[in-house]
């Protein structure tokens, strides 16, 4: 539905749910929540905007301070877009091996990027941004997306509400990957308030060394303070190969070109649907599609079948 808005920030949210008919088994509904429909092209638009707005409202962020945070890419793109729209300067710390597209997009909005060691992944970026902020506390506002309560709240008030408005009378399962963990934490808490039982499943890489950019293997990582292991009903591992293969299938069979973390989410959603179908049960499974695949066109350090 066409609508008039006053700013790009007003375009965040109300993303569509797409029924996946070709990769899912018959008899079970599988929906993709298309978060790439946000103006910044990813699910991270929601928490980035909420964190910035909340900080501007309570005075932690002012026009005299620079917003700085660590990111593997998508949150940085969102900070950059909304920083430009809201008149806030942005510096980002990210591993130097994140996709070139996301580096270029962030810099196009005037953002300054500080690179961390690619071998240390997202944890290395977290450590570096903390060092920078500790040295220059007065210069920076550090939202810390991994510890900021506004991150899951964006999904509690946005993503979860939208899913219930669309399929609340039918949804049986929800699937989302673990990165900052905000999407799973906030959305699940909202879904659990619904009158019907909804099983919420978290997805994480099956190994510390993986190629599912944006997802964290929590057993080997710095666990985000906003994460509560009791919130999801279940955590399922996904291999790099399975995530990449499903991304390829979605492009060929559904006309969706998505990133590999999204492929992992849909892989697990289809896995759940197949289990229900094998038991002769019906169901409605909703999976988060976090971003588009065009952000991964540039070569990555990881190859699908990497030989060491």
C-alpha atoms as a PDB file:
ATOM      1  CA  UNK A   1       0.000   0.000   0.000  1.00  0.00           C
ATOM      2  CA  UNK A   2       1.396   3.383  -1.019  1.00  0.00           C
ATOM      3  CA  UNK A   3       1.908   5.888   1.790  1.00  0.00           C
ATOM      4  CA  UNK A   4       3.450   9.325   2.229  1.00  0.00           C
ATOM      5  CA  UNK A   5       6.304   9.680   4.708  1.00  0.00           C
ATOM      6  CA  UNK A   6       8.314  12.640   5.974  1.00  0.00           C
ATOM      7  CA  UNK A   7      11.719  10.940   6.368  1.00  0.00           C
ATOM      8  CA  UNK A   8      13.532   7.766   5.442  1.00  0.00           C
ATOM      9  CA  UNK A   9      13.276   6.726   9.094  1.00  0.00           C
ATOM     10  CA  UNK A  10       9.503   6.429   8.643  1.00  0.00           C
ATOM     11  CA  UNK A  11      10.038   3.672   6.073  1.00  0.00           C
ATOM     12  CA  UNK A  12      11.374   1.202   8.655  1.00  0.00           C
ATOM     13  CA  UNK A  13       9.173  -1.781   9.497  1.00  0.00           C
ATOM     14  CA  UNK A  14       5.921  -3.243   8.176  1.00  0.00           C
ATOM     15  CA  UNK A  15       7.899  -5.628   5.983  1.00  0.00           C
ATOM     16  CA  UNK A  16       5.983  -8.304   4.017  1.00  0.00           C
ATOM     17  CA  UNK A  17       5.572 -11.994   4.744  1.00  0.00           C
ATOM     18  CA  UNK A  18       6.115 -14.166   1.673  1.00  0.00           C
ATOM     19  CA  UNK A  19       4.726 -17.703   1.443  1.00  0.00           C
ATOM     20  CA  UNK A  20       7.473 -20.102   0.297  1.00  0.00           C
ATOM     21  CA  UNK A  21       5.737 -22.695  -1.866  1.00  0.00           C
ATOM     22  CA  UNK A  22       8.598 -24.413  -3.685  1.00  0.00           C
ATOM     23  CA  UNK A  23      11.212 -25.141  -1.012  1.00  0.00           C
ATOM     24  CA  UNK A  24       8.652 -26.093   1.658  1.00  0.00           C
ATOM     25  CA  UNK A  25       6.816 -29.423   1.878  1.00  0.00           C
ATOM     26  CA  UNK A  26       3.101 -29.472   1.005  1.00  0.00           C
ATOM     27  CA  UNK A  27       0.669 -29.143   3.869  1.00  0.00           C
ATOM     28  CA  UNK A  28       2.836 -26.877   6.036  1.00  0.00           C
ATOM     29  CA  UNK A  29       2.956 -23.109   5.608  1.00  0.00           C
ATOM     30  CA  UNK A  30       6.431 -21.556   5.582  1.00  0.00           C
ATOM     31  CA  UNK A  31       6.727 -17.784   5.436  1.00  0.00           C
ATOM     32  CA  UNK A  32       9.757 -15.540   4.972  1.00  0.00           C
ATOM     33  CA  UNK A  33       9.679 -12.197   6.801  1.00  0.00           C
ATOM     34  CA  UNK A  34      11.370 -10.033   4.162  1.00  0.00           C
ATOM     35  CA  UNK A  35      13.482  -7.668   6.242  1.00  0.00           C
ATOM     36  CA  UNK A  36      15.446  -6.550   3.189  1.00  0.00           C
ATOM     37  CA  UNK A  37      12.385  -4.399   2.439  1.00  0.00           C
ATOM     38  CA  UNK A  38      13.602  -1.941   5.087  1.00  0.00           C
ATOM     39  CA  UNK A  39      15.255   1.188   3.601  1.00  0.00           C
ATOM     40  CA  UNK A  40      18.725   0.074   4.680  1.00  0.00           C
ATOM     41  CA  UNK A  41      18.154  -3.360   3.180  1.00  0.00           C
ATOM     42  CA  UNK A  42      18.249  -5.445   6.354  1.00  0.00           C
ATOM     43  CA  UNK A  43      16.647  -6.415   9.655  1.00  0.00           C
ATOM     44  CA  UNK A  44      19.237  -4.240  11.423  1.00  0.00           C
ATOM     45  CA  UNK A  45      17.379  -1.070  10.463  1.00  0.00           C
ATOM     46  CA  UNK A  46      14.953  -1.743  13.303  1.00  0.00           C
ATOM     47  CA  UNK A  47      17.373  -1.858  16.259  1.00  0.00           C
ATOM     48  CA  UNK A  48      19.731   0.780  14.829  1.00  0.00           C
ATOM     49  CA  UNK A  49      16.932   3.320  14.531  1.00  0.00           C
ATOM     50  CA  UNK A  50      15.450   2.436  17.933  1.00  0.00           C
ATOM     51  CA  UNK A  51      18.833   2.752  19.662  1.00  0.00           C
ATOM     52  CA  UNK A  52      19.493   6.118  18.027  1.00  0.00           C
ATOM     53  CA  UNK A  53      16.049   7.520  18.734  1.00  0.00           C
ATOM     54  CA  UNK A  54      16.072   6.405  22.358  1.00  0.00           C
ATOM     55  CA  UNK A  55      19.539   7.895  22.906  1.00  0.00           C
ATOM     56  CA  UNK A  56      18.587  11.193  21.250  1.00  0.00           C
ATOM     57  CA  UNK A  57      15.459  11.350  23.400  1.00  0.00           C
ATOM     58  CA  UNK A  58      17.263  10.891  26.725  1.00  0.00           C
ATOM     59  CA  UNK A  59      20.355  12.957  25.888  1.00  0.00           C
ATOM     60  CA  UNK A  60      22.969  10.210  25.682  1.00  0.00           C
ATOM     61  CA  UNK A  61      23.413  11.089  21.993  1.00  0.00           C
ATOM     62  CA  UNK A  62      23.723  14.710  20.927  1.00  0.00           C
ATOM     63  CA  UNK A  63      24.750  16.432  17.707  1.00  0.00           C
ATOM     64  CA  UNK A  64      28.123  17.144  19.370  1.00  0.00           C
ATOM     65  CA  UNK A  65      28.940  13.458  19.785  1.00  0.00           C
ATOM     66  CA  UNK A  66      29.957  10.824  17.250  1.00  0.00           C
ATOM     67  CA  UNK A  67      28.069   7.552  17.287  1.00  0.00           C
ATOM     68  CA  UNK A  68      30.489   4.617  17.214  1.00  0.00           C
ATOM     69  CA  UNK A  69      29.770   0.890  17.303  1.00  0.00           C
ATOM     70  CA  UNK A  70      31.164  -2.421  16.125  1.00  0.00           C
ATOM     71  CA  UNK A  71      29.358  -4.194  13.307  1.00  0.00           C
ATOM     72  CA  UNK A  72      29.794  -6.916  10.714  1.00  0.00           C
ATOM     73  CA  UNK A  73      28.059  -4.653   8.217  1.00  0.00           C
ATOM     74  CA  UNK A  74      24.279  -4.370   8.216  1.00  0.00           C
ATOM     75  CA  UNK A  75      23.892  -2.453  11.474  1.00  0.00           C
ATOM     76  CA  UNK A  76      26.597  -0.132  10.212  1.00  0.00           C
ATOM     77  CA  UNK A  77      24.670   0.524   7.008  1.00  0.00           C
ATOM     78  CA  UNK A  78      21.597   1.332   9.096  1.00  0.00           C
ATOM     79  CA  UNK A  79      23.524   3.657  11.441  1.00  0.00           C
ATOM     80  CA  UNK A  80      24.957   5.398   8.370  1.00  0.00           C
ATOM     81  CA  UNK A  81      21.603   5.977   6.678  1.00  0.00           C
ATOM     82  CA  UNK A  82      19.829   7.185   9.806  1.00  0.00           C
ATOM     83  CA  UNK A  83      22.853   9.195  10.903  1.00  0.00           C
ATOM     84  CA  UNK A  84      22.648  11.108   7.635  1.00  0.00           C
ATOM     85  CA  UNK A  85      18.884  11.561   8.039  1.00  0.00           C
ATOM     86  CA  UNK A  86      19.073  12.641  11.695  1.00  0.00           C
ATOM     87  CA  UNK A  87      22.242  14.741  11.462  1.00  0.00           C
ATOM     88  CA  UNK A  88      24.435  12.405  13.527  1.00  0.00           C
ATOM     89  CA  UNK A  89      28.081  11.664  12.655  1.00  0.00           C
ATOM     90  CA  UNK A  90      28.925   7.951  12.549  1.00  0.00           C
ATOM     91  CA  UNK A  91      32.147   5.965  12.966  1.00  0.00           C
ATOM     92  CA  UNK A  92      32.105   2.175  12.602  1.00  0.00           C
ATOM     93  CA  UNK A  93      34.511  -0.556  13.658  1.00  0.00           C
ATOM     94  CA  UNK A  94      34.245  -3.656  11.499  1.00  0.00           C
ATOM     95  CA  UNK A  95      36.429  -6.603  10.481  1.00  0.00           C
ATOM     96  CA  UNK A  96      38.310  -5.765   7.299  1.00  0.00           C
ATOM     97  CA  UNK A  97      36.953  -8.864   5.546  1.00  0.00           C
ATOM     98  CA  UNK A  98      33.255  -7.923   5.601  1.00  0.00           C
ATOM     99  CA  UNK A  99      31.733  -7.677   2.137  1.00  0.00           C
ATOM    100  CA  UNK A 100      32.916  -4.752   0.023  1.00  0.00           C
ATOM    101  CA  UNK A 101      29.342  -3.737  -0.740  1.00  0.00           C
ATOM    102  CA  UNK A 102      28.588  -2.968   2.882  1.00  0.00           C
ATOM    103  CA  UNK A 103      31.813  -1.002   3.322  1.00  0.00           C
ATOM    104  CA  UNK A 104      31.018   1.071   0.232  1.00  0.00           C
ATOM    105  CA  UNK A 105      27.387   1.647   1.221  1.00  0.00           C
ATOM    106  CA  UNK A 106      28.323   2.883   4.700  1.00  0.00           C
ATOM    107  CA  UNK A 107      30.997   5.228   3.351  1.00  0.00           C
ATOM    108  CA  UNK A 108      28.562   6.629   0.764  1.00  0.00           C
ATOM    109  CA  UNK A 109      26.624   8.229   3.649  1.00  0.00           C
ATOM    110  CA  UNK A 110      29.725   9.906   5.066  1.00  0.00           C
ATOM    111  CA  UNK A 111      30.569   7.266   7.648  1.00  0.00           C
ATOM    112  CA  UNK A 112      34.192   6.744   8.717  1.00  0.00           C
ATOM    113  CA  UNK A 113      35.230   3.085   9.009  1.00  0.00           C
ATOM    114  CA  UNK A 114      37.889   1.753  11.373  1.00  0.00           C
ATOM    115  CA  UNK A 115      39.001  -1.775  10.511  1.00  0.00           C
ATOM    116  CA  UNK A 116      39.705  -4.528  13.010  1.00  0.00           C
ATOM    117  CA  UNK A 117      41.625  -7.774  12.549  1.00  0.00           C
ATOM    118  CA  UNK A 118      39.661 -10.042  10.163  1.00  0.00           C
ATOM    119  CA  UNK A 119      40.912 -13.158  11.952  1.00  0.00           C
ATOM    120  CA  UNK A 120      39.252 -12.009  15.190  1.00  0.00           C
ATOM    121  CA  UNK A 121      35.811 -11.640  13.582  1.00  0.00           C
ATOM    122  CA  UNK A 122      33.032  -9.690  15.283  1.00  0.00           C
ATOM    123  CA  UNK A 123      34.589 -10.234  18.717  1.00  0.00           C
ATOM    124  CA  UNK A 124      37.736  -8.427  17.575  1.00  0.00           C
ATOM    125  CA  UNK A 125      35.634  -5.460  16.429  1.00  0.00           C
ATOM    126  CA  UNK A 126      33.914  -5.393  19.824  1.00  0.00           C
ATOM    127  CA  UNK A 127      37.246  -5.322  21.662  1.00  0.00           C
ATOM    128  CA  UNK A 128      38.627  -2.559  19.439  1.00  0.00           C
ATOM    129  CA  UNK A 129      35.588  -0.271  19.736  1.00  0.00           C
ATOM    130  CA  UNK A 130      35.714  -0.613  23.527  1.00  0.00           C
ATOM    131  CA  UNK A 131      39.367   0.446  23.502  1.00  0.00           C
ATOM    132  CA  UNK A 132      38.579   3.484  21.344  1.00  0.00           C
ATOM    133  CA  UNK A 133      35.666   4.604  23.519  1.00  0.00           C
ATOM    134  CA  UNK A 134      37.686   4.119  26.701  1.00  0.00           C
ATOM    135  CA  UNK A 135      40.348   6.494  25.329  1.00  0.00           C
ATOM    136  CA  UNK A 136      37.885   9.189  24.195  1.00  0.00           C
ATOM    137  CA  UNK A 137      34.739   8.887  26.292  1.00  0.00           C
ATOM    138  CA  UNK A 138      33.613  12.485  25.761  1.00  0.00           C
ATOM    139  CA  UNK A 139      33.891  12.297  21.991  1.00  0.00           C
ATOM    140  CA  UNK A 140      31.741   9.247  21.365  1.00  0.00           C
ATOM    141  CA  UNK A 141      28.315   7.802  22.041  1.00  0.00           C
ATOM    142  CA  UNK A 142      28.645   4.001  22.089  1.00  0.00           C
ATOM    143  CA  UNK A 143      25.207   2.344  21.740  1.00  0.00           C
ATOM    144  CA  UNK A 144      26.722  -1.167  21.999  1.00  0.00           C
ATOM    145  CA  UNK A 145      24.152  -3.116  20.012  1.00  0.00           C
ATOM    146  CA  UNK A 146      25.095  -6.322  21.866  1.00  0.00           C
ATOM    147  CA  UNK A 147      24.117  -4.895  25.259  1.00  0.00           C
ATOM    148  CA  UNK A 148      21.512  -2.253  24.434  1.00  0.00           C
ATOM    149  CA  UNK A 149      17.969  -3.034  25.613  1.00  0.00           C
ATOM    150  CA  UNK A 150      16.599  -0.936  22.745  1.00  0.00           C
ATOM    151  CA  UNK A 151      17.817  -3.646  20.343  1.00  0.00           C
ATOM    152  CA  UNK A 152      15.351  -6.376  21.395  1.00  0.00           C
ATOM    153  CA  UNK A 153      12.686  -3.758  22.151  1.00  0.00           C
ATOM    154  CA  UNK A 154      12.693  -2.768  18.470  1.00  0.00           C
ATOM    155  CA  UNK A 155      11.652  -6.323  17.633  1.00  0.00           C
ATOM    156  CA  UNK A 156       9.238  -6.648  20.545  1.00  0.00           C
ATOM    157  CA  UNK A 157       7.303  -3.594  19.390  1.00  0.00           C
ATOM    158  CA  UNK A 158       7.931  -4.104  15.659  1.00  0.00           C
ATOM    159  CA  UNK A 159       8.804  -7.516  14.232  1.00  0.00           C
ATOM    160  CA  UNK A 160       6.825  -9.591  16.735  1.00  0.00           C
ATOM    161  CA  UNK A 161       3.762  -7.377  16.535  1.00  0.00           C
ATOM    162  CA  UNK A 162       3.783  -7.438  12.728  1.00  0.00           C
ATOM    163  CA  UNK A 163       4.029 -11.239  12.601  1.00  0.00           C
ATOM    164  CA  UNK A 164       1.081 -11.627  14.966  1.00  0.00           C
ATOM    165  CA  UNK A 165      -0.975  -9.141  12.966  1.00  0.00           C
ATOM    166  CA  UNK A 166      -0.321 -11.167   9.801  1.00  0.00           C
ATOM    167  CA  UNK A 167      -0.499 -14.806  10.961  1.00  0.00           C
ATOM    168  CA  UNK A 168      -1.178 -14.709  14.684  1.00  0.00           C
ATOM    169  CA  UNK A 169      -4.165 -17.003  14.330  1.00  0.00           C
ATOM    170  CA  UNK A 170      -2.072 -19.689  12.606  1.00  0.00           C
ATOM    171  CA  UNK A 171       1.629 -19.389  13.499  1.00  0.00           C
ATOM    172  CA  UNK A 172       3.113 -22.437  15.239  1.00  0.00           C
ATOM    173  CA  UNK A 173       6.881 -21.845  14.884  1.00  0.00           C
ATOM    174  CA  UNK A 174       9.268 -18.897  14.604  1.00  0.00           C
ATOM    175  CA  UNK A 175      12.887 -19.140  13.404  1.00  0.00           C
ATOM    176  CA  UNK A 176      15.660 -16.528  13.650  1.00  0.00           C
ATOM    177  CA  UNK A 177      19.458 -16.600  13.729  1.00  0.00           C
ATOM    178  CA  UNK A 178      21.669 -15.486  16.606  1.00  0.00           C
ATOM    179  CA  UNK A 179      23.964 -12.528  15.970  1.00  0.00           C
ATOM    180  CA  UNK A 180      23.484  -9.740  18.463  1.00  0.00           C
ATOM    181  CA  UNK A 181      20.515 -12.000  19.419  1.00  0.00           C
ATOM    182  CA  UNK A 182      18.153  -8.989  19.499  1.00  0.00           C
ATOM    183  CA  UNK A 183      15.796 -10.343  16.826  1.00  0.00           C
ATOM    184  CA  UNK A 184      15.274 -13.634  18.661  1.00  0.00           C
ATOM    185  CA  UNK A 185      15.023 -12.059  22.116  1.00  0.00           C
ATOM    186  CA  UNK A 186      12.553  -9.294  21.275  1.00  0.00           C
ATOM    187  CA  UNK A 187      10.377 -11.118  18.757  1.00  0.00           C
ATOM    188  CA  UNK A 188      10.080 -14.255  20.882  1.00  0.00           C
ATOM    189  CA  UNK A 189       9.063 -12.320  23.977  1.00  0.00           C
ATOM    190  CA  UNK A 190       6.249 -10.701  21.984  1.00  0.00           C
ATOM    191  CA  UNK A 191       5.139 -13.980  20.378  1.00  0.00           C
ATOM    192  CA  UNK A 192       5.045 -15.706  23.762  1.00  0.00           C
ATOM    193  CA  UNK A 193       2.369 -13.235  24.880  1.00  0.00           C
ATOM    194  CA  UNK A 194      -0.016 -14.610  22.250  1.00  0.00           C
ATOM    195  CA  UNK A 195      -2.835 -16.892  23.311  1.00  0.00           C
ATOM    196  CA  UNK A 196      -1.643 -19.862  21.265  1.00  0.00           C
ATOM    197  CA  UNK A 197       1.636 -21.715  21.862  1.00  0.00           C
ATOM    198  CA  UNK A 198       4.393 -20.715  19.428  1.00  0.00           C
ATOM    199  CA  UNK A 199       7.677 -22.635  19.401  1.00  0.00           C
ATOM    200  CA  UNK A 200      10.602 -20.260  18.866  1.00  0.00           C
ATOM    201  CA  UNK A 201      13.814 -21.719  17.442  1.00  0.00           C
ATOM    202  CA  UNK A 202      17.195 -19.988  17.405  1.00  0.00           C
ATOM    203  CA  UNK A 203      19.740 -20.767  14.675  1.00  0.00           C
ATOM    204  CA  UNK A 204      23.503 -20.650  15.155  1.00  0.00           C
ATOM    205  CA  UNK A 205      26.471 -21.866  13.081  1.00  0.00           C
ATOM    206  CA  UNK A 206      27.492 -25.435  13.824  1.00  0.00           C
ATOM    207  CA  UNK A 207      31.151 -24.504  14.222  1.00  0.00           C
ATOM    208  CA  UNK A 208      33.284 -21.636  15.454  1.00  0.00           C
ATOM    209  CA  UNK A 209      34.899 -21.374  12.022  1.00  0.00           C
ATOM    210  CA  UNK A 210      31.974 -20.740   9.712  1.00  0.00           C
ATOM    211  CA  UNK A 211      30.871 -18.756   6.661  1.00  0.00           C
ATOM    212  CA  UNK A 212      27.462 -17.556   7.827  1.00  0.00           C
ATOM    213  CA  UNK A 213      28.295 -13.878   8.054  1.00  0.00           C
ATOM    214  CA  UNK A 214      26.253 -12.042  10.678  1.00  0.00           C
ATOM    215  CA  UNK A 215      25.629 -15.104  12.853  1.00  0.00           C
ATOM    216  CA  UNK A 216      27.573 -15.966  16.021  1.00  0.00           C
ATOM    217  CA  UNK A 217      28.639 -19.373  17.292  1.00  0.00           C
ATOM    218  CA  UNK A 218      27.849 -18.506  20.905  1.00  0.00           C
ATOM    219  CA  UNK A 219      29.814 -21.338  22.584  1.00  0.00           C
ATOM    220  CA  UNK A 220      33.035 -19.865  21.160  1.00  0.00           C
ATOM    221  CA  UNK A 221      32.094 -16.164  21.183  1.00  0.00           C
ATOM    222  CA  UNK A 222      31.574 -13.246  23.502  1.00  0.00           C
ATOM    223  CA  UNK A 223      27.952 -13.824  24.537  1.00  0.00           C
ATOM    224  CA  UNK A 224      25.864 -10.651  24.078  1.00  0.00           C
ATOM    225  CA  UNK A 225      24.561  -9.301  27.408  1.00  0.00           C
ATOM    226  CA  UNK A 226      21.054  -9.013  25.914  1.00  0.00           C
ATOM    227  CA  UNK A 227      20.990 -12.787  25.283  1.00  0.00           C
ATOM    228  CA  UNK A 228      18.933 -14.960  27.616  1.00  0.00           C
ATOM    229  CA  UNK A 229      19.290 -18.681  26.912  1.00  0.00           C
ATOM    230  CA  UNK A 230      15.864 -19.333  28.445  1.00  0.00           C
ATOM    231  CA  UNK A 231      14.009 -17.249  25.850  1.00  0.00           C
ATOM    232  CA  UNK A 232      14.202 -19.549  22.781  1.00  0.00           C
ATOM    233  CA  UNK A 233      12.562 -22.949  23.120  1.00  0.00           C
ATOM    234  CA  UNK A 234      15.368 -24.563  21.149  1.00  0.00           C
ATOM    235  CA  UNK A 235      18.651 -23.754  19.418  1.00  0.00           C
ATOM    236  CA  UNK A 236      19.525 -25.597  16.212  1.00  0.00           C
ATOM    237  CA  UNK A 237      22.924 -25.649  14.507  1.00  0.00           C
ATOM    238  CA  UNK A 238      23.289 -25.005  10.785  1.00  0.00           C
ATOM    239  CA  UNK A 239      26.344 -25.713   8.669  1.00  0.00           C
ATOM    240  CA  UNK A 240      27.797 -23.169   6.285  1.00  0.00           C
ATOM    241  CA  UNK A 241      27.041 -25.499   3.387  1.00  0.00           C
ATOM    242  CA  UNK A 242      23.369 -25.852   4.360  1.00  0.00           C
ATOM    243  CA  UNK A 243      22.948 -22.090   4.674  1.00  0.00           C
ATOM    244  CA  UNK A 244      24.640 -21.383   1.353  1.00  0.00           C
ATOM    245  CA  UNK A 245      22.725 -24.183  -0.397  1.00  0.00           C
ATOM    246  CA  UNK A 246      19.372 -22.844   0.786  1.00  0.00           C
ATOM    247  CA  UNK A 247      20.328 -19.337  -0.342  1.00  0.00           C
ATOM    248  CA  UNK A 248      20.964 -20.802  -3.803  1.00  0.00           C
ATOM    249  CA  UNK A 249      17.654 -22.700  -3.743  1.00  0.00           C
ATOM    250  CA  UNK A 250      15.700 -19.600  -2.741  1.00  0.00           C
ATOM    251  CA  UNK A 251      17.155 -17.714  -5.699  1.00  0.00           C
ATOM    252  CA  UNK A 252      16.452 -20.500  -8.197  1.00  0.00           C
ATOM    253  CA  UNK A 253      13.111 -21.727  -6.873  1.00  0.00           C
ATOM    254  CA  UNK A 254      11.478 -18.759  -5.145  1.00  0.00           C
ATOM    255  CA  UNK A 255      13.015 -15.742  -6.887  1.00  0.00           C
ATOM    256  CA  UNK A 256      14.603 -14.552  -3.638  1.00  0.00           C
ATOM    257  CA  UNK A 257      18.265 -13.574  -3.641  1.00  0.00           C
ATOM    258  CA  UNK A 258      19.167 -13.529   0.059  1.00  0.00           C
ATOM    259  CA  UNK A 259      22.224 -13.597   2.297  1.00  0.00           C
ATOM    260  CA  UNK A 260      23.622 -16.757   3.829  1.00  0.00           C
ATOM    261  CA  UNK A 261      22.354 -16.151   7.352  1.00  0.00           C
ATOM    262  CA  UNK A 262      18.892 -15.912   5.816  1.00  0.00           C
ATOM    263  CA  UNK A 263      19.576 -19.170   4.000  1.00  0.00           C
ATOM    264  CA  UNK A 264      20.399 -20.748   7.361  1.00  0.00           C
ATOM    265  CA  UNK A 265      17.157 -19.466   8.897  1.00  0.00           C
ATOM    266  CA  UNK A 266      15.057 -20.791   6.029  1.00  0.00           C
ATOM    267  CA  UNK A 267      16.964 -24.100   6.056  1.00  0.00           C
ATOM    268  CA  UNK A 268      15.925 -24.657   9.667  1.00  0.00           C
ATOM    269  CA  UNK A 269      12.365 -23.472   8.964  1.00  0.00           C
ATOM    270  CA  UNK A 270      12.040 -25.984   6.128  1.00  0.00           C
ATOM    271  CA  UNK A 271      13.580 -28.644   8.357  1.00  0.00           C
ATOM    272  CA  UNK A 272      10.856 -27.983  10.952  1.00  0.00           C
ATOM    273  CA  UNK A 273       8.175 -28.047   8.259  1.00  0.00           C
ATOM    274  CA  UNK A 274       9.446 -31.389   6.953  1.00  0.00           C
ATOM    275  CA  UNK A 275       9.344 -32.839  10.468  1.00  0.00           C
ATOM    276  CA  UNK A 276       5.730 -31.708  10.872  1.00  0.00           C
ATOM    277  CA  UNK A 277       4.785 -33.120   7.469  1.00  0.00           C
ATOM    278  CA  UNK A 278       6.427 -36.473   8.283  1.00  0.00           C
ATOM    279  CA  UNK A 279       4.260 -36.671  11.406  1.00  0.00           C
ATOM    280  CA  UNK A 280       1.139 -35.873   9.406  1.00  0.00           C
ATOM    281  CA  UNK A 281       0.786 -32.481  11.123  1.00  0.00           C
ATOM    282  CA  UNK A 282       0.057 -29.047   9.742  1.00  0.00           C
ATOM    283  CA  UNK A 283       1.760 -25.877  10.864  1.00  0.00           C
ATOM    284  CA  UNK A 284       2.807 -22.332  10.057  1.00  0.00           C
ATOM    285  CA  UNK A 285       6.515 -21.525  10.302  1.00  0.00           C
ATOM    286  CA  UNK A 286       7.856 -17.957  10.016  1.00  0.00           C
ATOM    287  CA  UNK A 287      11.558 -17.350   9.337  1.00  0.00           C
ATOM    288  CA  UNK A 288      13.504 -14.088   9.314  1.00  0.00           C
ATOM    289  CA  UNK A 289      15.115 -13.202   5.979  1.00  0.00           C
ATOM    290  CA  UNK A 290      17.657 -10.710   7.219  1.00  0.00           C
ATOM    291  CA  UNK A 291      19.066  -9.177   4.038  1.00  0.00           C
ATOM    292  CA  UNK A 292      19.592  -9.459   0.290  1.00  0.00           C
ATOM    293  CA  UNK A 293      22.277 -11.513  -1.391  1.00  0.00           C
ATOM    294  CA  UNK A 294      23.669  -8.642  -3.448  1.00  0.00           C
ATOM    295  CA  UNK A 295      25.682  -7.558  -0.405  1.00  0.00           C
ATOM    296  CA  UNK A 296      27.731 -10.722  -0.845  1.00  0.00           C
ATOM    297  CA  UNK A 297      28.639 -10.396  -4.528  1.00  0.00           C
ATOM    298  CA  UNK A 298      32.187  -9.270  -3.742  1.00  0.00           C
ATOM    299  CA  UNK A 299      34.534 -12.159  -2.917  1.00  0.00           C
ATOM    300  CA  UNK A 300      34.655 -13.142   0.758  1.00  0.00           C
ATOM    301  CA  UNK A 301      37.564 -14.631   2.645  1.00  0.00           C
ATOM    302  CA  UNK A 302      35.432 -17.726   3.186  1.00  0.00           C
ATOM    303  CA  UNK A 303      34.620 -19.975   0.280  1.00  0.00           C
ATOM    304  CA  UNK A 304      31.741 -22.425   0.389  1.00  0.00           C
ATOM    305  CA  UNK A 305      34.006 -25.436   0.491  1.00  0.00           C
ATOM    306  CA  UNK A 306      37.226 -24.118   1.871  1.00  0.00           C
ATOM    307  CA  UNK A 307      40.369 -26.265   1.876  1.00  0.00           C
ATOM    308  CA  UNK A 308      42.881 -25.356   4.576  1.00  0.00           C
END
